[in-house]
């Protein structure tokens, strides 16, 4: 028979080691400090003293075991082995990191999964067993200010679980669910405390006006295995097919783990809400798709108890969608809020717009070999408009007029690409466009911000900020991003110039093979406005029939093709 450890001394410091015992009793006034080794027990855990679990795992490997004692225990990791039926029989026990159950853990309302600024405890989704009985799960919030999108990791928890975190007596209702089929905004007041918190559904909770950190908690029987919901897109004027869903598990999930999800008729992007800092009833949205984040923070790791928006794909309305998730999507990430996706390999531009001194909103353009210029539900993220009037809404416009927070674009680096931008602001003020990130841009690729009203073209690589004053409104025909390839490899290109004087367009040809070339002039819409053959090196006048704006002049010679840009002002 294995020994049953009894600790008669005041302090026992367990250095990193493997300790295997029949059971463990810590008497009153005794201390155990555990390092990063494992403690394997075949019988009961009884803590009547003090147990400090710095790291490592306590493994319950017997047949029928109890976890109790007059003292509460804070564990680092707990594992219930495949042979064990373990029951927690006294209250107040807590967990800092990972609970893995390969058989049965009867929690009985006596276990709390802790959440702090540094990490959040979780239940490992790879466990082959079950966690039965009530468990309390915390979620640390760095700021309690304003709305937070939540979900329930429990089978049948109720709205009442939030009664100790938010004030249901507020004159402005503090708790909502979302109904995509409503003709109005979609938000539905959900303050009846007996209402169930449906697994996979998201909720919106207002924690008040204090910006101090806080910790929310919910109690119930945890979800496990596959969970599903049927979603819809009724093409309503405000909800636009968006559905508020949530992570239904007591652990983070990875949106990019294909084996963990069924997303039939659902777009590939996820959308997160970020509470404002000055108005507790407003905020901003960010998006993520294919390793690309709109703001550089939103990512594929969705924390436990996190609500988020997804979009049911457009089609023949109403569109019916299947949203299903299983344990294969679950991961053991203790710090999901601080996770960063691995570096991308695609060229990317992240452009922001902000009122002077205010919070910025971002749009991302990234290049992909199989991208198309119209909306692609697998590669593009739609734009959800911010509710904070102090934050602009910046987005790209696809060729089929979809408003996008992240847009993929064909990787045709040897030609000129123009991507229209949209900007919506709710009050007049100074707006600053800023190039926040410019990553893996191919050599020789120039990026410009074009203002159609002023005719100004600004090179964002040499001058990353563009400032101007704008009135309240929506601007969808004024600003655009222009990608233009510059090839310095030929003497004909380096010697040839294009310029405009008093509204007239001229070219000067130099070192053109056989002194002959064809030219093609296109505007920012990609429309060809002039095609002409030129003979002889030297000056050529092309006329004054062009409107003000940026044009691309392409030269086709016997040996080489190149392009130059020119701005015509009248």
Protein backbone atom coordinates (compact mmCIF):
# COMPACT_ATOMS: atom_id res chain seq x y z
CA UNK A 1 0.00 0.00 0.00
CA UNK A 2 1.27 3.49 -0.86
CA UNK A 3 1.89 5.78 2.12
CA UNK A 4 -0.71 8.27 3.30
CA UNK A 5 1.18 11.48 3.91
CA UNK A 6 0.61 13.23 7.22
CA UNK A 7 2.43 16.55 7.70
CA UNK A 8 3.31 17.10 11.39
CA UNK A 9 5.86 19.86 10.79
CA UNK A 10 5.25 23.56 10.41
CA UNK A 11 6.60 24.07 6.88
CA UNK A 12 7.35 21.62 4.08
CA UNK A 13 8.82 23.09 0.92
CA UNK A 14 8.36 20.69 -2.00
CA UNK A 15 11.00 21.52 -4.57
CA UNK A 16 10.41 20.42 -8.18
CA UNK A 17 9.70 16.73 -7.78
CA UNK A 18 7.22 13.98 -8.47
CA UNK A 19 5.33 12.99 -5.30
CA UNK A 20 3.07 9.95 -5.32
CA UNK A 21 1.02 9.09 -2.26
CA UNK A 22 -2.10 7.24 -1.11
CA UNK A 23 -3.59 10.48 0.22
CA UNK A 24 -2.58 13.80 1.72
CA UNK A 25 -3.57 15.39 5.03
CA UNK A 26 -2.26 18.84 5.95
CA UNK A 27 -2.93 19.42 9.67
CA UNK A 28 -3.85 22.71 11.25
CA UNK A 29 -0.94 25.16 11.48
CA UNK A 30 1.11 23.20 8.93
CA UNK A 31 2.28 24.60 5.61
CA UNK A 32 3.11 23.01 2.28
CA UNK A 33 4.73 25.05 -0.47
CA UNK A 34 4.72 23.21 -3.79
CA UNK A 35 7.10 23.94 -6.67
CA UNK A 36 6.59 22.89 -10.27
CA UNK A 37 6.41 19.14 -9.74
CA UNK A 38 3.33 16.92 -9.75
CA UNK A 39 1.53 15.50 -6.73
CA UNK A 40 -0.30 12.25 -7.56
CA UNK A 41 -2.89 11.03 -5.04
CA UNK A 42 -4.68 7.67 -4.93
CA UNK A 43 -6.94 8.68 -2.05
CA UNK A 44 -8.31 11.83 -0.41
CA UNK A 45 -7.03 15.40 -0.23
CA UNK A 46 -7.59 16.98 3.18
CA UNK A 47 -6.28 20.47 3.82
CA UNK A 48 -6.69 21.73 7.37
CA UNK A 49 -3.63 23.97 7.15
CA UNK A 50 -2.06 25.95 4.31
CA UNK A 51 -1.13 24.76 0.82
CA UNK A 52 0.70 27.12 -1.55
CA UNK A 53 0.63 25.82 -5.11
CA UNK A 54 3.09 27.91 -7.10
CA UNK A 55 3.04 25.72 -10.19
CA UNK A 56 2.71 22.09 -11.20
CA UNK A 57 -0.33 19.82 -11.01
CA UNK A 58 -2.25 17.90 -8.37
CA UNK A 59 -3.42 14.65 -9.99
CA UNK A 60 -6.29 12.62 -8.56
CA UNK A 61 -5.51 9.10 -9.75
CA UNK A 62 -7.52 6.86 -7.42
CA UNK A 63 -10.94 5.31 -7.87
CA UNK A 64 -13.19 7.26 -5.48
CA UNK A 65 -11.65 10.36 -3.91
CA UNK A 66 -12.66 13.49 -2.05
CA UNK A 67 -11.17 16.96 -1.90
CA UNK A 68 -11.89 18.68 1.39
CA UNK A 69 -10.62 20.00 4.69
CA UNK A 70 -11.34 22.96 6.89
CA UNK A 71 -9.08 25.21 4.80
CA UNK A 72 -9.79 26.29 1.24
CA UNK A 73 -7.12 25.47 -1.34
CA UNK A 74 -5.97 27.47 -4.33
CA UNK A 75 -4.65 25.01 -6.91
CA UNK A 76 -2.49 25.77 -9.91
CA UNK A 77 -3.53 22.81 -12.09
CA UNK A 78 -5.87 19.92 -11.29
CA UNK A 79 -6.06 16.68 -13.27
CA UNK A 80 -8.67 14.01 -12.65
CA UNK A 81 -7.26 10.77 -14.10
CA UNK A 82 -9.25 8.38 -16.25
CA UNK A 83 -9.84 6.04 -13.30
CA UNK A 84 -11.01 8.61 -10.77
CA UNK A 85 -14.36 9.83 -9.51
CA UNK A 86 -13.41 12.86 -7.42
CA UNK A 87 -15.82 14.94 -5.34
CA UNK A 88 -15.12 18.36 -3.82
CA UNK A 89 -16.85 18.20 -0.44
CA UNK A 90 -15.97 21.56 1.16
CA UNK A 91 -16.48 25.09 -0.07
CA UNK A 92 -14.09 27.81 -1.17
CA UNK A 93 -11.59 26.00 -3.39
CA UNK A 94 -10.15 27.89 -6.35
CA UNK A 95 -8.10 27.21 -9.49
CA UNK A 96 -5.48 29.46 -11.08
CA UNK A 97 -4.76 27.63 -14.33
CA UNK A 98 -6.02 24.40 -15.95
CA UNK A 99 -8.56 21.78 -14.90
CA UNK A 100 -8.34 18.55 -16.93
CA UNK A 101 -11.01 15.94 -16.25
CA UNK A 102 -10.51 12.54 -17.88
CA UNK A 103 -13.19 10.92 -15.73
CA UNK A 104 -15.56 12.64 -13.27
CA UNK A 105 -15.11 15.71 -11.11
CA UNK A 106 -18.12 16.49 -8.93
CA UNK A 107 -17.62 20.19 -8.24
CA UNK A 108 -20.76 20.65 -6.14
CA UNK A 109 -20.57 24.44 -6.24
CA UNK A 110 -17.29 24.33 -4.33
CA UNK A 111 -14.83 25.39 -7.05
CA UNK A 112 -14.12 28.79 -8.61
CA UNK A 113 -12.02 29.36 -11.73
CA UNK A 114 -10.06 32.54 -11.05
CA UNK A 115 -9.46 35.40 -13.47
CA UNK A 116 -6.88 38.14 -12.89
CA UNK A 117 -5.01 40.71 -14.94
CA UNK A 118 -2.29 38.12 -15.57
CA UNK A 119 -4.30 35.01 -16.48
CA UNK A 120 -7.69 33.29 -16.49
CA UNK A 121 -8.28 29.70 -15.37
CA UNK A 122 -9.98 27.26 -17.76
CA UNK A 123 -11.29 23.74 -18.22
CA UNK A 124 -9.27 21.77 -20.76
CA UNK A 125 -11.44 20.80 -23.74
CA UNK A 126 -9.35 17.71 -24.49
CA UNK A 127 -10.57 15.99 -21.33
CA UNK A 128 -12.37 12.70 -21.95
CA UNK A 129 -14.50 12.98 -18.79
CA UNK A 130 -16.97 15.44 -17.31
CA UNK A 131 -17.15 18.21 -14.74
CA UNK A 132 -20.47 17.85 -12.92
CA UNK A 133 -22.24 20.19 -10.51
CA UNK A 134 -21.97 23.94 -10.29
CA UNK A 135 -18.70 25.75 -10.97
CA UNK A 136 -18.14 29.50 -10.60
CA UNK A 137 -16.16 31.15 -13.41
CA UNK A 138 -14.68 34.63 -13.23
CA UNK A 139 -13.88 37.11 -15.99
CA UNK A 140 -11.48 39.92 -15.21
CA UNK A 141 -12.23 43.28 -16.86
CA UNK A 142 -9.44 45.85 -17.03
CA UNK A 143 -12.14 48.53 -16.99
CA UNK A 144 -15.75 48.23 -15.89
CA UNK A 145 -16.79 51.24 -17.97
CA UNK A 146 -19.69 50.75 -20.36
CA UNK A 147 -20.93 47.80 -22.36
CA UNK A 148 -19.23 44.40 -22.57
CA UNK A 149 -20.30 41.56 -24.84
CA UNK A 150 -20.71 38.37 -22.80
CA UNK A 151 -21.70 34.75 -23.30
CA UNK A 152 -22.49 31.92 -20.92
CA UNK A 153 -20.26 28.83 -20.54
CA UNK A 154 -23.09 27.03 -18.72
CA UNK A 155 -25.98 24.76 -19.62
CA UNK A 156 -28.76 26.68 -17.88
CA UNK A 157 -27.49 29.81 -16.13
CA UNK A 158 -29.92 32.72 -15.91
CA UNK A 159 -29.73 36.47 -16.31
CA UNK A 160 -29.77 36.68 -12.52
CA UNK A 161 -26.09 35.62 -12.54
CA UNK A 162 -25.27 39.23 -13.48
CA UNK A 163 -27.27 40.75 -10.61
CA UNK A 164 -24.14 41.14 -8.46
CA UNK A 165 -22.22 42.77 -11.33
CA UNK A 166 -24.67 45.22 -12.92
CA UNK A 167 -27.55 47.33 -11.61
CA UNK A 168 -30.83 46.00 -12.99
CA UNK A 169 -32.62 48.93 -11.31
CA UNK A 170 -30.99 51.49 -13.62
CA UNK A 171 -33.47 53.69 -15.48
CA UNK A 172 -31.61 52.83 -18.70
CA UNK A 173 -31.76 49.02 -19.12
CA UNK A 174 -28.31 47.47 -18.58
CA UNK A 175 -28.73 44.05 -20.23
CA UNK A 176 -29.66 43.08 -23.81
CA UNK A 177 -29.79 40.22 -26.25
CA UNK A 178 -29.83 40.67 -30.04
CA UNK A 179 -32.52 39.71 -32.55
CA UNK A 180 -31.41 39.87 -36.20
CA UNK A 181 -35.02 39.73 -37.45
CA UNK A 182 -36.10 43.04 -35.90
CA UNK A 183 -36.79 45.92 -38.27
CA UNK A 184 -35.29 48.32 -35.72
CA UNK A 185 -31.84 48.21 -34.15
CA UNK A 186 -31.90 44.53 -33.15
CA UNK A 187 -31.31 45.11 -29.43
CA UNK A 188 -33.88 43.52 -27.09
CA UNK A 189 -34.07 44.40 -23.38
CA UNK A 190 -33.42 41.22 -21.40
CA UNK A 191 -33.64 42.17 -17.72
CA UNK A 192 -36.02 39.45 -16.51
CA UNK A 193 -33.63 37.70 -14.17
CA UNK A 194 -35.20 34.25 -14.60
CA UNK A 195 -34.51 34.23 -18.35
CA UNK A 196 -32.01 31.62 -19.49
CA UNK A 197 -28.61 32.57 -20.88
CA UNK A 198 -28.70 30.47 -24.04
CA UNK A 199 -25.41 28.73 -24.93
CA UNK A 200 -23.77 30.14 -28.13
CA UNK A 201 -25.80 33.37 -27.81
CA UNK A 202 -24.17 36.70 -27.02
CA UNK A 203 -25.39 39.34 -24.58
CA UNK A 204 -24.63 43.01 -23.94
CA UNK A 205 -24.10 44.06 -20.32
CA UNK A 206 -23.49 47.62 -19.11
CA UNK A 207 -21.21 47.59 -16.07
CA UNK A 208 -21.64 51.29 -15.29
CA UNK A 209 -19.56 54.45 -15.29
CA UNK A 210 -16.51 53.37 -13.28
CA UNK A 211 -13.32 52.78 -15.24
CA UNK A 212 -11.77 50.80 -12.38
CA UNK A 213 -11.02 47.14 -12.99
CA UNK A 214 -13.66 44.66 -11.93
CA UNK A 215 -14.26 40.91 -11.98
CA UNK A 216 -17.56 39.42 -13.13
CA UNK A 217 -18.59 35.90 -12.20
CA UNK A 218 -21.22 33.39 -13.35
CA UNK A 219 -22.11 30.04 -11.79
CA UNK A 220 -23.60 26.90 -13.32
CA UNK A 221 -22.98 23.48 -14.82
CA UNK A 222 -20.39 23.89 -17.56
CA UNK A 223 -20.99 23.19 -21.25
CA UNK A 224 -19.08 20.44 -23.00
CA UNK A 225 -19.03 18.70 -26.40
CA UNK A 226 -20.90 20.04 -29.46
CA UNK A 227 -23.21 23.06 -29.25
CA UNK A 228 -25.23 24.42 -32.17
CA UNK A 229 -27.55 27.26 -33.15
CA UNK A 230 -29.59 28.14 -36.22
CA UNK A 231 -29.06 31.72 -37.37
CA UNK A 232 -30.67 33.88 -40.05
CA UNK A 233 -30.20 36.82 -42.36
CA UNK A 234 -33.56 38.48 -43.08
CA UNK A 235 -31.90 41.49 -44.74
CA UNK A 236 -33.36 43.93 -42.22
CA UNK A 237 -32.31 47.58 -42.68
CA UNK A 238 -30.35 47.91 -39.44
CA UNK A 239 -29.27 44.40 -38.41
CA UNK A 240 -28.12 43.54 -41.97
CA UNK A 241 -27.68 39.84 -41.23
CA UNK A 242 -25.41 40.26 -38.20
CA UNK A 243 -25.94 37.89 -35.26
CA UNK A 244 -24.54 38.29 -31.73
CA UNK A 245 -23.11 34.94 -30.64
CA UNK A 246 -20.64 33.85 -27.97
CA UNK A 247 -18.04 31.35 -26.83
CA UNK A 248 -20.08 28.66 -25.00
CA UNK A 249 -17.16 26.99 -23.21
CA UNK A 250 -15.18 27.53 -19.97
CA UNK A 251 -12.03 27.92 -22.08
CA UNK A 252 -10.93 30.05 -25.05
CA UNK A 253 -11.70 28.91 -28.58
CA UNK A 254 -9.72 29.44 -31.78
CA UNK A 255 -11.80 30.77 -34.69
CA UNK A 256 -9.23 29.45 -37.18
CA UNK A 257 -9.33 25.79 -36.08
CA UNK A 258 -11.37 24.39 -38.95
CA UNK A 259 -12.10 21.04 -37.26
CA UNK A 260 -13.82 22.78 -34.37
CA UNK A 261 -16.52 24.64 -36.29
CA UNK A 262 -19.42 24.21 -38.66
CA UNK A 263 -20.25 27.56 -40.25
CA UNK A 264 -22.73 26.94 -43.05
CA UNK A 265 -23.78 30.18 -44.81
CA UNK A 266 -21.69 32.23 -42.39
CA UNK A 267 -18.97 34.68 -43.42
CA UNK A 268 -15.40 34.05 -42.29
CA UNK A 269 -14.91 37.21 -40.18
CA UNK A 270 -15.52 37.91 -36.49
CA UNK A 271 -16.37 41.32 -35.01
CA UNK A 272 -15.61 42.56 -31.49
CA UNK A 273 -16.98 45.52 -29.52
CA UNK A 274 -14.75 47.84 -27.50
CA UNK A 275 -16.42 50.08 -24.93
CA UNK A 276 -15.90 53.82 -25.22
CA UNK A 277 -13.89 55.83 -22.72
CA UNK A 278 -16.10 58.91 -22.25
CA UNK A 279 -19.66 57.71 -22.87
CA UNK A 280 -20.67 54.43 -21.23
CA UNK A 281 -23.35 53.78 -23.86
CA UNK A 282 -21.13 53.90 -26.96
CA UNK A 283 -18.04 52.24 -28.36
CA UNK A 284 -16.17 51.01 -31.42
CA UNK A 285 -15.87 47.79 -33.42
CA UNK A 286 -12.90 45.81 -34.66
CA UNK A 287 -12.72 42.80 -36.97
CA UNK A 288 -10.56 39.79 -37.77
CA UNK A 289 -10.27 37.45 -40.75
CA UNK A 290 -7.58 35.11 -42.14
CA UNK A 291 -4.84 36.29 -39.78
CA UNK A 292 -5.61 39.97 -40.49
CA UNK A 293 -6.76 42.32 -37.72
CA UNK A 294 -8.45 45.63 -38.45
CA UNK A 295 -6.89 47.36 -35.44
CA UNK A 296 -3.87 45.13 -34.83
CA UNK A 297 -5.45 43.65 -31.67
CA UNK A 298 -8.58 41.73 -32.69
CA UNK A 299 -7.62 38.12 -33.35
CA UNK A 300 -8.72 34.51 -33.70
CA UNK A 301 -8.61 33.66 -29.99
CA UNK A 302 -12.02 34.18 -28.39
CA UNK A 303 -11.92 34.25 -24.59
CA UNK A 304 -14.30 32.31 -22.36
CA UNK A 305 -17.51 34.29 -21.71
CA UNK A 306 -16.80 36.51 -24.75
CA UNK A 307 -19.63 37.63 -27.05
CA UNK A 308 -18.99 38.67 -30.65
CA UNK A 309 -20.79 39.39 -33.92
CA UNK A 310 -20.77 37.19 -37.01
CA UNK A 311 -22.54 37.75 -40.32
CA UNK A 312 -24.89 35.29 -42.00
CA UNK A 313 -24.04 35.42 -45.69
CA UNK A 314 -26.17 37.34 -48.14
CA UNK A 315 -28.30 35.37 -50.58
CA UNK A 316 -31.94 34.57 -51.22
CA UNK A 317 -33.64 35.93 -48.10
CA UNK A 318 -34.20 34.76 -45.51
CA UNK A 319 -30.86 32.94 -45.46
CA UNK A 320 -30.64 30.10 -42.92
CA UNK A 321 -27.26 29.36 -41.35
CA UNK A 322 -25.84 26.65 -39.08
CA UNK A 323 -23.45 27.74 -36.34
CA UNK A 324 -21.88 24.82 -34.48
CA UNK A 325 -18.77 24.42 -32.34
CA UNK A 326 -17.16 21.43 -30.64
CA UNK A 327 -14.27 20.70 -28.28
CA UNK A 328 -11.74 20.69 -31.13
CA UNK A 329 -12.01 24.49 -31.21
CA UNK A 330 -11.00 24.81 -27.55
CA UNK A 331 -7.46 25.79 -26.56
CA UNK A 332 -5.48 26.19 -23.34
CA UNK A 333 -4.57 29.85 -23.57
CA UNK A 334 -4.48 31.42 -20.10
CA UNK A 335 -4.07 34.98 -21.43
CA UNK A 336 -6.41 35.22 -24.45
CA UNK A 337 -6.88 38.98 -24.14
CA UNK A 338 -3.16 39.48 -24.77
CA UNK A 339 -2.76 36.95 -27.57
CA UNK A 340 -1.22 38.05 -30.85
CA UNK A 341 -1.51 36.06 -34.04
CA UNK A 342 1.71 34.89 -35.72
CA UNK A 343 3.24 37.26 -38.28
CA UNK A 344 1.62 37.31 -41.69
CA UNK A 345 3.38 36.81 -44.99
CA UNK A 346 1.11 38.98 -47.14
CA UNK A 347 1.59 42.68 -47.99
CA UNK A 348 -0.65 44.84 -45.83
CA UNK A 349 -1.60 48.49 -45.35
CA UNK A 350 -3.41 49.65 -42.19
CA UNK A 351 -4.73 53.21 -42.55
CA UNK A 352 -6.49 55.06 -39.72
CA UNK A 353 -8.66 58.14 -39.44
CA UNK A 354 -9.22 60.15 -36.27
CA UNK A 355 -10.41 63.51 -35.10
CA UNK A 356 -7.49 65.59 -33.89
CA UNK A 357 -6.42 64.05 -30.56
CA UNK A 358 -9.16 61.39 -30.66
CA UNK A 359 -9.49 57.62 -30.98
CA UNK A 360 -8.74 56.29 -34.45
CA UNK A 361 -10.65 53.89 -36.68
CA UNK A 362 -8.77 51.63 -39.09
CA UNK A 363 -9.19 50.02 -42.48
CA UNK A 364 -6.87 47.28 -43.72
CA UNK A 365 -5.97 46.42 -47.31
CA UNK A 366 -4.08 43.18 -47.83
CA UNK A 367 -3.01 41.42 -51.02
CA UNK A 368 -3.87 37.81 -51.80
CA UNK A 369 -3.21 35.80 -54.95
CA UNK A 370 -6.81 34.63 -55.35
CA UNK A 371 -8.52 37.81 -54.16
CA UNK A 372 -11.24 39.53 -56.16
CA UNK A 373 -12.24 43.18 -56.21
CA UNK A 374 -15.87 42.49 -55.21
CA UNK A 375 -16.88 41.37 -51.70
CA UNK A 376 -15.54 37.92 -50.82
CA UNK A 377 -17.08 36.47 -47.65
CA UNK A 378 -14.04 34.22 -47.13
CA UNK A 379 -11.43 37.00 -47.36
CA UNK A 380 -13.12 40.32 -46.52
CA UNK A 381 -14.62 41.71 -43.31
CA UNK A 382 -17.64 43.98 -43.43
CA UNK A 383 -17.80 47.28 -41.60
CA UNK A 384 -19.90 47.63 -38.44
CA UNK A 385 -20.30 51.33 -37.76
CA UNK A 386 -18.97 52.67 -34.46
CA UNK A 387 -21.53 54.05 -32.03
CA UNK A 388 -19.11 56.60 -30.56
CA UNK A 389 -19.72 59.92 -32.32
CA UNK A 390 -16.18 61.04 -31.45
CA UNK A 391 -14.67 58.27 -33.60
CA UNK A 392 -14.83 58.36 -37.42
CA UNK A 393 -15.88 55.36 -39.49
CA UNK A 394 -13.26 54.51 -42.12
CA UNK A 395 -13.78 51.71 -44.63
CA UNK A 396 -12.96 50.52 -48.13
CA UNK A 397 -15.50 50.11 -50.91
CA UNK A 398 -15.46 46.96 -53.01
CA UNK A 399 -16.48 47.09 -56.66
CA UNK A 400 -19.97 45.89 -55.67
CA UNK A 401 -20.26 48.74 -53.11
CA UNK A 402 -19.77 46.66 -49.95
CA UNK A 403 -18.40 48.64 -47.01
CA UNK A 404 -15.38 46.76 -45.67
CA UNK A 405 -13.16 47.09 -42.60
CA UNK A 406 -10.70 44.56 -44.10
CA UNK A 407 -10.42 44.13 -47.86
CA UNK A 408 -8.37 41.62 -49.81
CA UNK A 409 -7.07 42.77 -53.17
CA UNK A 410 -5.63 40.92 -56.16
CA UNK A 411 -1.83 40.70 -55.94
CA UNK A 412 -1.11 42.40 -59.27
CA UNK A 413 1.96 44.35 -58.29
CA UNK A 414 2.95 45.25 -61.85
CA UNK A 415 -0.06 47.47 -62.47
CA UNK A 416 -1.94 50.33 -60.83
CA UNK A 417 -4.73 49.53 -58.35
CA UNK A 418 -7.20 52.05 -56.99
CA UNK A 419 -9.32 51.26 -53.93
CA UNK A 420 -12.04 53.79 -53.03
CA UNK A 421 -12.40 54.69 -49.36
CA UNK A 422 -15.47 55.67 -47.40
CA UNK A 423 -15.47 58.00 -44.41
CA UNK A 424 -18.42 58.75 -42.16
CA UNK A 425 -18.20 61.38 -39.42
CA UNK A 426 -20.94 62.55 -37.06
CA UNK A 427 -19.65 66.06 -36.47
CA UNK A 428 -17.40 68.57 -38.18
CA UNK A 429 -13.73 68.70 -37.28
CA UNK A 430 -10.12 68.19 -38.25
CA UNK A 431 -9.52 64.67 -39.55
CA UNK A 432 -6.10 63.03 -39.64
CA UNK A 433 -5.45 60.09 -41.95
CA UNK A 434 -2.45 58.14 -40.69
CA UNK A 435 -0.49 55.21 -42.07
CA UNK A 436 -0.38 53.03 -38.95
CA UNK A 437 1.20 49.95 -40.55
CA UNK A 438 2.78 49.22 -43.92
CA UNK A 439 4.06 45.65 -43.93
CA UNK A 440 5.84 43.56 -46.56
CA UNK A 441 5.13 46.03 -49.36
CA UNK A 442 7.04 44.83 -52.47
CA UNK A 443 10.07 46.85 -53.55
CA UNK A 444 9.10 49.59 -55.97
CA UNK A 445 5.42 49.57 -54.95
CA UNK A 446 4.27 53.10 -54.18
CA UNK A 447 1.18 53.85 -52.09
CA UNK A 448 -0.73 57.11 -52.41
CA UNK A 449 -3.74 58.70 -50.72
CA UNK A 450 -5.72 60.61 -53.32
CA UNK A 451 -8.18 63.41 -52.48
CA UNK A 452 -10.45 63.93 -55.49
CA UNK A 453 -11.79 67.28 -54.27
CA UNK A 454 -8.42 68.97 -53.81
CA UNK A 455 -6.65 66.93 -56.50
CA UNK A 456 -3.88 66.20 -54.03
CA UNK A 457 -1.97 62.93 -54.22
CA UNK A 458 0.13 62.13 -51.15
CA UNK A 459 2.86 59.50 -51.03
CA UNK A 460 2.11 57.65 -47.78
CA UNK A 461 5.56 56.09 -47.64
CA UNK A 462 7.33 59.43 -47.40
CA UNK A 463 4.51 61.43 -45.79
CA UNK A 464 2.27 59.10 -43.73
CA UNK A 465 -0.22 61.70 -42.42
CA UNK A 466 -2.86 63.69 -44.30
CA UNK A 467 -4.79 66.35 -42.37
CA UNK A 468 -7.88 68.30 -43.41
CA UNK A 469 -11.11 69.82 -42.09
CA UNK A 470 -14.38 68.08 -42.93
CA UNK A 471 -18.03 68.81 -42.28
CA UNK A 472 -20.34 66.17 -40.82
CA UNK A 473 -21.38 63.62 -43.41
CA UNK A 474 -20.52 60.56 -45.46
CA UNK A 475 -17.71 60.75 -48.02
CA UNK A 476 -17.62 57.88 -50.51
CA UNK A 477 -16.44 59.51 -53.74
CA UNK A 478 -13.60 61.63 -52.48
CA UNK A 479 -10.74 59.56 -51.00
CA UNK A 480 -8.95 56.54 -52.42
CA UNK A 481 -5.78 54.50 -52.01
CA UNK A 482 -3.63 54.08 -55.11
CA UNK A 483 -1.03 51.31 -55.42
CA UNK A 484 1.40 51.98 -58.25
CA UNK A 485 4.45 49.99 -59.33
CA UNK A 486 7.55 51.98 -60.17
CA UNK A 487 10.21 50.19 -62.20
CA UNK A 488 13.61 51.87 -62.28
CA UNK A 489 15.13 49.28 -64.56
CA UNK A 490 15.09 50.96 -68.01
CA UNK A 491 16.80 54.00 -69.48
CA UNK A 492 13.67 54.83 -71.46
CA UNK A 493 11.64 55.13 -68.26
CA UNK A 494 14.25 57.13 -66.35
CA UNK A 495 14.58 59.54 -69.25
CA UNK A 496 10.87 59.93 -70.00
CA UNK A 497 8.76 62.44 -68.08
CA UNK A 498 5.06 63.31 -67.86
CA UNK A 499 3.83 66.69 -66.65
CA UNK A 500 0.94 69.15 -66.76
CA UNK A 501 1.03 72.91 -67.33
CA UNK A 502 -2.14 75.03 -67.13
CA UNK A 503 -4.34 71.98 -67.54
CA UNK A 504 -2.49 70.65 -70.59
CA UNK A 505 -0.74 67.29 -70.54
CA UNK A 506 2.73 66.74 -72.00
CA UNK A 507 5.20 63.88 -72.28
CA UNK A 508 8.89 63.99 -73.02
CA UNK A 509 10.23 60.80 -74.59
CA UNK A 510 13.88 59.87 -74.23
CA UNK A 511 15.79 56.71 -75.14
CA UNK A 512 12.67 55.10 -76.63
CA UNK A 513 13.68 52.09 -78.80
CA UNK A 514 13.08 52.84 -82.51
CA UNK A 515 11.73 56.22 -81.32
CA UNK A 516 8.22 54.78 -81.27
CA UNK A 517 5.77 53.84 -78.49
CA UNK A 518 2.10 53.57 -77.65
CA UNK A 519 0.57 55.23 -74.60
CA UNK A 520 -2.58 54.58 -72.61
CA UNK A 521 -3.96 57.05 -70.04
CA UNK A 522 -6.33 55.87 -67.30
CA UNK A 523 -8.09 57.67 -64.45
CA UNK A 524 -8.52 56.44 -60.87
CA UNK A 525 -11.65 54.53 -61.83
CA UNK A 526 -9.58 52.45 -64.21
CA UNK A 527 -11.23 54.04 -67.24
CA UNK A 528 -9.05 54.57 -70.31
CA UNK A 529 -9.38 58.21 -71.40
CA UNK A 530 -6.76 58.26 -74.17
CA UNK A 531 -4.83 55.82 -76.32
CA UNK A 532 -2.29 57.09 -78.83
CA UNK A 533 0.84 56.15 -80.78
CA UNK A 534 3.79 58.54 -80.44
CA UNK A 535 6.68 58.79 -82.89
CA UNK A 536 10.04 60.35 -82.14
CA UNK A 537 11.89 61.13 -78.95
CA UNK A 538 11.27 64.59 -77.52
CA UNK A 539 8.20 66.61 -76.48
CA UNK A 540 4.61 65.66 -77.27
CA UNK A 541 1.47 67.63 -76.33
CA UNK A 542 -1.50 65.40 -75.45
CA UNK A 543 -4.15 68.10 -75.01
CA UNK A 544 -6.26 69.81 -72.37
CA UNK A 545 -9.38 67.65 -72.52
CA UNK A 546 -8.67 65.98 -69.17
CA UNK A 547 -10.52 66.73 -65.93
CA UNK A 548 -8.61 67.57 -62.77
CA UNK A 549 -7.28 64.51 -61.01
CA UNK A 550 -4.64 61.81 -60.87
CA UNK A 551 -3.89 59.88 -64.06
CA UNK A 552 -1.68 56.93 -64.89
CA UNK A 553 0.18 57.11 -68.22
CA UNK A 554 1.35 53.70 -69.43
CA UNK A 555 4.09 53.44 -72.08
CA UNK A 556 4.45 50.42 -74.37
CA UNK A 557 7.76 50.23 -76.23
CA UNK A 558 9.43 47.52 -78.26
CA UNK A 559 11.49 46.39 -75.29
CA UNK A 560 9.73 47.58 -72.16
CA UNK A 561 6.44 48.60 -70.52
CA UNK A 562 6.31 51.18 -67.74
CA UNK A 563 3.92 53.68 -66.15
CA UNK A 564 4.08 57.15 -64.66
CA UNK A 565 1.56 59.14 -62.68
CA UNK A 566 0.59 62.74 -63.25
CA UNK A 567 -1.78 65.16 -61.51
CA UNK A 568 -3.76 67.58 -63.68
CA UNK A 569 -5.11 70.70 -61.96
CA UNK A 570 -7.41 73.22 -63.61
